[in-house]
């Protein structure tokens, strides 16, 4: 299949009862705009009227519903036109773009009252461009639909052939901020880490462990926490249709990497904070008396290492305090946002 015959399937989902300007024509206009911007590829657009979620519905619920519709209809990308106000992290936004999900939302009320048709066309075109990212990402998306790509090649195509695309999607999620947005996880991890500084039993256990045991405890704590977050909040998708297997695999790889980097960042922060806290409040004579020998910097390092692992596992328990919506928002909060600045503009 030549590159010119490859196509990208894009769905436009509109809530029922929207103004008369929102018709199937907006999907045709969008395809025309995208052909001008990305002429090397074919475009297939489909207009569907679907409420997706009953109001009031949080942004994360709309994203999840649009993602399900994308997979069911085997689209590559989906744009949602909603009559609901969009909020993320308590902030009003007019658009929400999640490249990880392949979904973008546009709030119609945020476009104002005048020239609605033109504004909507411009908003959809700009949002689609932000969702795509760049031409290279678009070609990679289109390559996944190539009929000559064997099903056996889906995994290496996505994992290795689309490594740059995956890295870009993970970076867009800003995973290093993941734990900071989950207050239950953060509170549990910090509390357990602080306990490690003042508990003499923790001092003795950490001093008795060799480097390989500390490394094993570290690996187990990270693995348990990562799996707990993904499983408890159902972040892992299953491909019910073989045609969307590549998309689902890409989504799951991105999710796993996002959570892994986020939890690893939490672990590193805990390690530094615990080491600094122990050096500040735990004097050498006190630690030496508990250990029954002279101490060195190595003892503070092993204490911080073990306590950070202990705190990270406590963070896994803290995931039970978080709602699914909060975890999804934290995992994909790096999606690009556009402030609601168009509401008061008139032309």
Protein backbone atom coordinates (compact mmCIF):
# COMPACT_ATOMS: atom_id res chain seq x y z
CA UNK A 1 0.00 0.00 0.00
CA UNK A 2 1.49 3.34 -1.01
CA UNK A 3 1.60 6.21 1.42
CA UNK A 4 -0.89 8.16 -0.71
CA UNK A 5 -3.54 5.48 -0.26
CA UNK A 6 -3.12 5.26 3.48
CA UNK A 7 -5.87 6.96 5.41
CA UNK A 8 -6.50 8.15 8.93
CA UNK A 9 -9.95 7.47 10.37
CA UNK A 10 -11.21 10.36 12.48
CA UNK A 11 -14.55 10.43 14.25
CA UNK A 12 -16.43 13.57 15.22
CA UNK A 13 -18.79 12.97 18.15
CA UNK A 14 -21.41 15.62 18.86
CA UNK A 15 -23.86 15.79 21.72
CA UNK A 16 -27.56 15.77 20.73
CA UNK A 17 -29.47 19.04 20.76
CA UNK A 18 -26.57 21.27 19.71
CA UNK A 19 -27.22 24.38 17.57
CA UNK A 20 -28.03 23.93 13.89
CA UNK A 21 -24.48 24.89 12.94
CA UNK A 22 -23.29 21.56 14.33
CA UNK A 23 -24.15 19.12 11.55
CA UNK A 24 -22.43 16.36 9.63
CA UNK A 25 -20.98 19.12 7.46
CA UNK A 26 -18.42 19.95 10.16
CA UNK A 27 -16.81 16.53 9.64
CA UNK A 28 -16.53 17.18 5.88
CA UNK A 29 -15.08 20.64 6.50
CA UNK A 30 -12.58 19.16 8.94
CA UNK A 31 -11.49 16.53 6.41
CA UNK A 32 -10.95 19.28 3.85
CA UNK A 33 -8.86 21.31 6.29
CA UNK A 34 -6.77 18.30 7.26
CA UNK A 35 -6.16 17.34 3.65
CA UNK A 36 -4.76 20.81 3.08
CA UNK A 37 -2.54 20.56 6.16
CA UNK A 38 -1.54 16.89 5.75
CA UNK A 39 -2.04 16.24 2.06
CA UNK A 40 0.23 13.19 1.89
CA UNK A 41 -2.42 11.05 3.57
CA UNK A 42 -6.05 10.28 2.92
CA UNK A 43 -8.73 11.19 5.45
CA UNK A 44 -11.90 9.39 6.41
CA UNK A 45 -14.18 11.32 8.75
CA UNK A 46 -17.40 10.15 10.35
CA UNK A 47 -20.00 12.26 12.16
CA UNK A 48 -21.84 10.62 15.05
CA UNK A 49 -24.40 12.09 17.44
CA UNK A 50 -23.78 10.62 20.88
CA UNK A 51 -24.23 12.04 24.37
CA UNK A 52 -21.34 9.85 25.64
CA UNK A 53 -22.09 10.65 29.30
CA UNK A 54 -25.06 12.06 31.19
CA UNK A 55 -24.46 15.53 32.60
CA UNK A 56 -22.99 16.59 34.88
CA UNK A 57 -19.96 14.62 33.74
CA UNK A 58 -16.29 15.27 34.58
CA UNK A 59 -13.79 15.71 31.79
CA UNK A 60 -12.17 12.37 32.53
CA UNK A 61 -15.51 10.58 32.07
CA UNK A 62 -15.98 12.19 28.65
CA UNK A 63 -12.46 11.19 27.67
CA UNK A 64 -13.07 7.57 28.72
CA UNK A 65 -16.41 7.43 26.88
CA UNK A 66 -14.90 8.91 23.73
CA UNK A 67 -12.02 6.43 23.95
CA UNK A 68 -14.50 3.53 24.09
CA UNK A 69 -16.35 4.89 21.06
CA UNK A 70 -13.03 5.24 19.20
CA UNK A 71 -12.15 1.61 19.84
CA UNK A 72 -15.63 0.29 19.02
CA UNK A 73 -15.72 2.13 15.69
CA UNK A 74 -12.02 1.45 14.93
CA UNK A 75 -11.17 5.12 14.50
CA UNK A 76 -7.62 6.35 14.81
CA UNK A 77 -8.57 9.67 16.43
CA UNK A 78 -11.74 11.18 17.89
CA UNK A 79 -12.92 14.76 18.39
CA UNK A 80 -15.83 15.47 20.72
CA UNK A 81 -18.06 18.55 20.49
CA UNK A 82 -19.86 18.89 23.80
CA UNK A 83 -22.33 21.34 25.27
CA UNK A 84 -20.81 20.84 28.71
CA UNK A 85 -18.26 23.17 30.30
CA UNK A 86 -14.86 21.55 30.60
CA UNK A 87 -12.82 21.67 33.77
CA UNK A 88 -9.52 20.04 34.60
CA UNK A 89 -7.87 20.32 37.98
CA UNK A 90 -10.55 22.83 38.96
CA UNK A 91 -9.67 25.12 36.05
CA UNK A 92 -12.14 25.96 33.26
CA UNK A 93 -10.79 25.08 29.82
CA UNK A 94 -12.28 25.34 26.35
CA UNK A 95 -10.38 22.36 24.94
CA UNK A 96 -8.78 19.25 26.31
CA UNK A 97 -6.36 17.23 24.20
CA UNK A 98 -5.14 13.79 25.24
CA UNK A 99 -2.72 12.36 22.69
CA UNK A 100 -2.38 9.28 24.87
CA UNK A 101 -6.05 8.43 24.32
CA UNK A 102 -6.21 9.80 20.77
CA UNK A 103 -9.14 11.95 21.93
CA UNK A 104 -9.81 15.69 22.13
CA UNK A 105 -12.75 17.64 23.55
CA UNK A 106 -14.11 21.01 22.43
CA UNK A 107 -16.65 22.86 24.59
CA UNK A 108 -19.17 24.60 22.34
CA UNK A 109 -20.29 27.16 24.97
CA UNK A 110 -16.68 28.36 25.22
CA UNK A 111 -16.75 29.47 21.58
CA UNK A 112 -19.20 32.29 22.25
CA UNK A 113 -22.40 33.30 20.46
CA UNK A 114 -21.25 35.01 17.25
CA UNK A 115 -19.85 33.33 14.13
CA UNK A 116 -20.26 29.94 15.78
CA UNK A 117 -19.86 27.88 12.60
CA UNK A 118 -16.57 29.55 11.64
CA UNK A 119 -15.24 29.39 15.18
CA UNK A 120 -16.16 25.73 15.51
CA UNK A 121 -14.44 24.85 12.24
CA UNK A 122 -11.31 26.70 13.31
CA UNK A 123 -11.40 25.16 16.79
CA UNK A 124 -11.77 21.63 15.40
CA UNK A 125 -8.99 22.14 12.88
CA UNK A 126 -6.61 23.57 15.49
CA UNK A 127 -7.52 20.91 18.05
CA UNK A 128 -7.02 18.12 15.51
CA UNK A 129 -3.59 19.57 14.71
CA UNK A 130 -2.65 19.61 18.40
CA UNK A 131 -3.97 16.06 18.80
CA UNK A 132 -1.88 14.83 15.87
CA UNK A 133 1.24 16.60 17.06
CA UNK A 134 3.32 16.52 13.89
CA UNK A 135 3.43 14.93 10.46
CA UNK A 136 5.75 12.13 11.59
CA UNK A 137 3.32 11.06 14.31
CA UNK A 138 0.50 11.13 11.77
CA UNK A 139 2.38 8.89 9.34
CA UNK A 140 3.02 6.44 12.17
CA UNK A 141 -0.69 6.40 13.03
CA UNK A 142 -1.59 5.79 9.40
CA UNK A 143 1.03 3.06 9.08
CA UNK A 144 -0.79 1.06 11.76
CA UNK A 145 -3.78 0.74 9.40
CA UNK A 146 -1.73 -0.61 6.50
CA UNK A 147 -3.41 -3.83 5.39
CA UNK A 148 -0.01 -5.30 4.55
CA UNK A 149 1.12 -5.16 8.17
CA UNK A 150 0.64 -8.60 9.62
CA UNK A 151 -1.12 -8.99 12.95
CA UNK A 152 2.02 -10.69 14.22
CA UNK A 153 3.93 -7.47 13.62
CA UNK A 154 1.69 -5.21 15.69
CA UNK A 155 3.79 -5.41 18.86
CA UNK A 156 7.21 -4.71 17.32
CA UNK A 157 5.68 -2.03 15.09
CA UNK A 158 4.24 -0.14 18.05
CA UNK A 159 6.94 -0.78 20.64
CA UNK A 160 10.01 -0.40 18.44
CA UNK A 161 8.89 1.26 15.20
CA UNK A 162 6.89 3.93 17.07
CA UNK A 163 9.33 4.50 19.90
CA UNK A 164 9.52 8.22 19.25
CA UNK A 165 5.73 8.52 19.18
CA UNK A 166 5.46 6.64 22.47
CA UNK A 167 8.14 8.79 24.07
CA UNK A 168 6.34 11.93 22.95
CA UNK A 169 3.05 10.72 24.40
CA UNK A 170 4.68 9.84 27.71
CA UNK A 171 6.41 13.20 27.87
CA UNK A 172 3.08 14.95 27.16
CA UNK A 173 1.66 13.26 30.28
CA UNK A 174 4.42 14.80 32.44
CA UNK A 175 4.69 11.63 34.55
CA UNK A 176 7.09 13.21 37.06
CA UNK A 177 4.07 15.14 38.40
CA UNK A 178 1.93 12.01 38.76
CA UNK A 179 2.35 11.29 42.48
CA UNK A 180 2.17 14.96 43.45
CA UNK A 181 -1.41 15.06 42.15
CA UNK A 182 -2.47 11.98 44.15
CA UNK A 183 -2.73 13.25 47.69
CA UNK A 184 -3.63 9.89 49.22
CA UNK A 185 -0.55 8.23 47.73
CA UNK A 186 1.68 11.14 48.65
CA UNK A 187 0.41 11.39 52.23
CA UNK A 188 0.78 7.66 52.87
CA UNK A 189 4.28 7.56 51.39
CA UNK A 190 5.49 10.60 53.34
CA UNK A 191 4.00 9.32 56.60
CA UNK A 192 5.68 5.93 56.21
CA UNK A 193 8.96 7.58 55.25
CA UNK A 194 8.83 9.84 58.32
CA UNK A 195 8.18 6.82 60.51
CA UNK A 196 11.34 5.22 59.14
CA UNK A 197 13.38 8.16 60.39
CA UNK A 198 12.25 7.81 64.02
CA UNK A 199 11.78 4.03 64.35
CA UNK A 200 14.86 2.30 65.72
CA UNK A 201 13.68 -1.07 64.36
CA UNK A 202 13.84 0.36 60.84
CA UNK A 203 17.40 1.57 61.53
CA UNK A 204 18.53 -1.89 62.58
CA UNK A 205 16.78 -3.70 59.74
CA UNK A 206 18.23 -1.37 57.10
CA UNK A 207 21.73 -1.69 58.57
CA UNK A 208 21.48 -5.48 58.52
CA UNK A 209 20.43 -5.71 54.87
CA UNK A 210 23.02 -6.13 52.17
CA UNK A 211 23.02 -4.09 48.96
CA UNK A 212 21.36 -6.82 46.93
CA UNK A 213 18.54 -7.19 49.48
CA UNK A 214 17.96 -3.45 49.50
CA UNK A 215 17.85 -3.49 45.68
CA UNK A 216 15.37 -6.36 45.73
CA UNK A 217 13.14 -4.55 48.24
CA UNK A 218 13.34 -1.44 46.08
CA UNK A 219 12.30 -3.37 42.95
CA UNK A 220 9.45 -5.13 44.74
CA UNK A 221 8.11 -1.89 46.20
CA UNK A 222 8.13 -0.16 42.82
CA UNK A 223 6.50 -3.12 41.09
CA UNK A 224 3.77 -3.51 43.71
CA UNK A 225 2.91 0.19 43.61
CA UNK A 226 2.87 0.41 39.81
CA UNK A 227 0.68 -2.68 39.45
CA UNK A 228 -1.63 -1.52 42.25
CA UNK A 229 -2.25 1.83 40.54
CA UNK A 230 -2.90 0.29 37.12
CA UNK A 231 -5.06 -2.61 38.31
CA UNK A 232 -7.01 -0.87 41.08
CA UNK A 233 -8.07 1.95 38.77
CA UNK A 234 -8.49 -0.12 35.59
CA UNK A 235 -5.97 1.81 33.51
CA UNK A 236 -5.21 -1.26 31.38
CA UNK A 237 -7.27 -1.73 28.22
CA UNK A 238 -8.13 -4.92 26.36
CA UNK A 239 -8.38 -5.15 22.57
CA UNK A 240 -11.72 -6.76 21.77
CA UNK A 241 -11.26 -6.06 18.06
CA UNK A 242 -8.03 -7.15 16.34
CA UNK A 243 -8.17 -4.01 14.17
CA UNK A 244 -7.51 -1.78 17.17
CA UNK A 245 -4.88 -4.00 18.75
CA UNK A 246 -2.05 -1.64 17.81
CA UNK A 247 -3.85 1.37 19.29
CA UNK A 248 -4.62 -0.44 22.52
CA UNK A 249 -1.07 -1.69 22.82
CA UNK A 250 0.28 1.83 22.28
CA UNK A 251 -2.12 3.18 24.91
CA UNK A 252 -1.15 0.49 27.44
CA UNK A 253 2.59 0.94 26.86
CA UNK A 254 2.19 4.70 27.33
CA UNK A 255 0.13 4.20 30.49
CA UNK A 256 2.61 1.75 31.97
CA UNK A 257 5.57 4.03 31.25
CA UNK A 258 3.73 7.07 32.62
CA UNK A 259 2.88 5.34 35.90
CA UNK A 260 6.35 3.77 36.15
CA UNK A 261 8.15 7.08 35.72
CA UNK A 262 5.71 8.75 38.11
CA UNK A 263 6.22 6.20 40.88
CA UNK A 264 9.98 6.15 40.29
CA UNK A 265 9.98 9.94 40.67
CA UNK A 266 8.09 9.54 43.95
CA UNK A 267 10.67 7.00 45.11
CA UNK A 268 13.58 9.29 44.24
CA UNK A 269 11.95 12.22 46.05
CA UNK A 270 11.33 10.06 49.12
CA UNK A 271 14.93 8.86 49.10
CA UNK A 272 16.28 12.41 49.08
CA UNK A 273 13.80 13.71 51.68
CA UNK A 274 14.37 10.80 54.06
CA UNK A 275 18.15 11.06 53.77
CA UNK A 276 17.99 14.80 54.47
CA UNK A 277 15.56 14.29 57.36
CA UNK A 278 17.67 11.54 58.91
CA UNK A 279 20.84 13.62 58.63
CA UNK A 280 19.02 16.53 60.27
CA UNK A 281 17.33 14.86 63.25
CA UNK A 282 19.18 11.57 63.72
CA UNK A 283 22.54 12.25 65.34
CA UNK A 284 25.47 9.89 65.03
CA UNK A 285 25.58 8.88 68.72
CA UNK A 286 21.87 8.01 68.75
CA UNK A 287 22.17 5.88 65.62
CA UNK A 288 25.39 4.27 66.89
CA UNK A 289 23.73 3.33 70.18
CA UNK A 290 20.85 1.66 68.32
CA UNK A 291 23.17 -0.23 65.98
CA UNK A 292 25.76 -1.09 68.60
CA UNK A 293 28.69 0.11 66.47
CA UNK A 294 30.21 3.18 64.90
CA UNK A 295 28.20 4.67 62.07
CA UNK A 296 29.01 6.28 58.75
CA UNK A 297 27.26 7.94 55.82
CA UNK A 298 26.56 4.46 54.47
CA UNK A 299 24.13 3.82 57.34
CA UNK A 300 22.17 6.96 56.48
CA UNK A 301 22.06 5.93 52.83
CA UNK A 302 20.81 2.42 53.60
CA UNK A 303 18.23 3.82 56.01
CA UNK A 304 16.93 6.24 53.38
CA UNK A 305 16.93 3.49 50.75
CA UNK A 306 14.96 1.05 52.88
CA UNK A 307 12.57 3.68 54.26
CA UNK A 308 11.86 4.95 50.73
CA UNK A 309 10.91 1.40 49.70
CA UNK A 310 8.75 1.09 52.80
CA UNK A 311 7.12 4.43 52.04
CA UNK A 312 6.49 3.55 48.39
CA UNK A 313 4.62 0.39 49.37
CA UNK A 314 2.55 2.52 51.77
CA UNK A 315 1.84 4.72 48.77
CA UNK A 316 0.41 1.68 46.98
CA UNK A 317 -2.06 1.32 49.86
CA UNK A 318 -2.82 5.01 49.50
CA UNK A 319 -4.20 4.41 46.00
CA UNK A 320 -7.32 3.03 47.66
CA UNK A 321 -8.05 6.57 48.85
CA UNK A 322 -8.06 7.93 45.31
CA UNK A 323 -11.00 7.90 42.91
CA UNK A 324 -10.62 6.48 39.40
CA UNK A 325 -11.23 9.96 37.96
CA UNK A 326 -8.47 11.47 40.12
CA UNK A 327 -5.96 8.82 39.06
CA UNK A 328 -6.81 9.22 35.36
CA UNK A 329 -6.55 12.97 35.64
CA UNK A 330 -3.16 12.64 37.32
CA UNK A 331 -1.92 10.12 34.76
CA UNK A 332 -2.97 12.17 31.77
CA UNK A 333 -2.89 15.69 33.23
CA UNK A 334 -0.07 16.56 30.88
CA UNK A 335 -2.55 16.64 28.02
CA UNK A 336 -2.39 20.04 26.44
CA UNK A 337 -4.93 22.53 27.74
CA UNK A 338 -6.21 25.72 26.23
CA UNK A 339 -7.52 28.38 28.57
CA UNK A 340 -11.10 29.49 28.11
CA UNK A 341 -10.17 32.90 26.65
CA UNK A 342 -12.53 32.98 23.67
CA UNK A 343 -15.77 33.32 25.58
CA UNK A 344 -15.76 37.08 25.85
CA UNK A 345 -14.24 37.80 22.46
CA UNK A 346 -16.67 39.15 19.85
CA UNK A 347 -16.19 39.86 16.21
